[in-house]
Amino acid sequence: MIVPVSRIFVIASLLTPAVTFDANAQNTVIHDKHKSHSHHDKKHSYYDNRKKNVNSHSPRLKKNSVIVITPRKRIYHNVHIYRPYGHAYLGYGHFHNDNDAWKWLSFTSITIKLLDNLNEHTQREHEAAQIKATTAKVGEEIKWHSESSNGSVVTTKEGVNNAGLTCREFQQTITISGDTEQAFGTACLQADGSWKIVK
């Protein structure tokens, strides 16, 4: 769902300072409504280096922007995408939109709860390892690591199903601060070049 920010209105109490965010500025300008000031009087304004909301004050965005909310469950090109854990975003791995990543989007159904403890960059590194594992030799471990976590994806088996499609079993592993979790999934390579999870 896409919501133009310019159409979002916030009703603030008279006692709440107005916070103006400038998308092109490095600072946030905060004006106190209860102190009169002209355009040339800056006594009642101060700068806050934080770009995000200040305390609990509601922001008013000056420029038109678009908020994109990516649902955890959706369908793209008949591929069911489901991310119950971790960050929900478009694309997969180093591909940042669904159009480029659609061949591997079904791998989102191989789920590991420890994804909740990774930032988006590290989660994408894990997914990139899954993509590499689709063409790696059986038994070859594709590893990744960050400051506090590491993981790997390996193809454990490969074969051909009754429909003549090449299928692979994958093992995903993530370790964070000594806690390790594994997940398994089997996917078959479709005629259009995409992978489909079968179990």
Foldseek 3Di string as FASTA:
>chain_A
DKDKLLPDDDDDDLQAWAWEAEPPDQWIKIAGPVDDDDPPDCPRIDTDRDRDDDDPGDYDYDDIDMDDDADQWDADPNATAHAPEADGAAAAQPDRHCVVRVQERNVNVQYDNCNNVDHPNVRSPLRVLVVVQVPDDAPDWRKDDDDFKIWTKGFPDWDADPVRWIKTKMKIWMDGNRDIDITIWMWTQDPVRHIHTPD
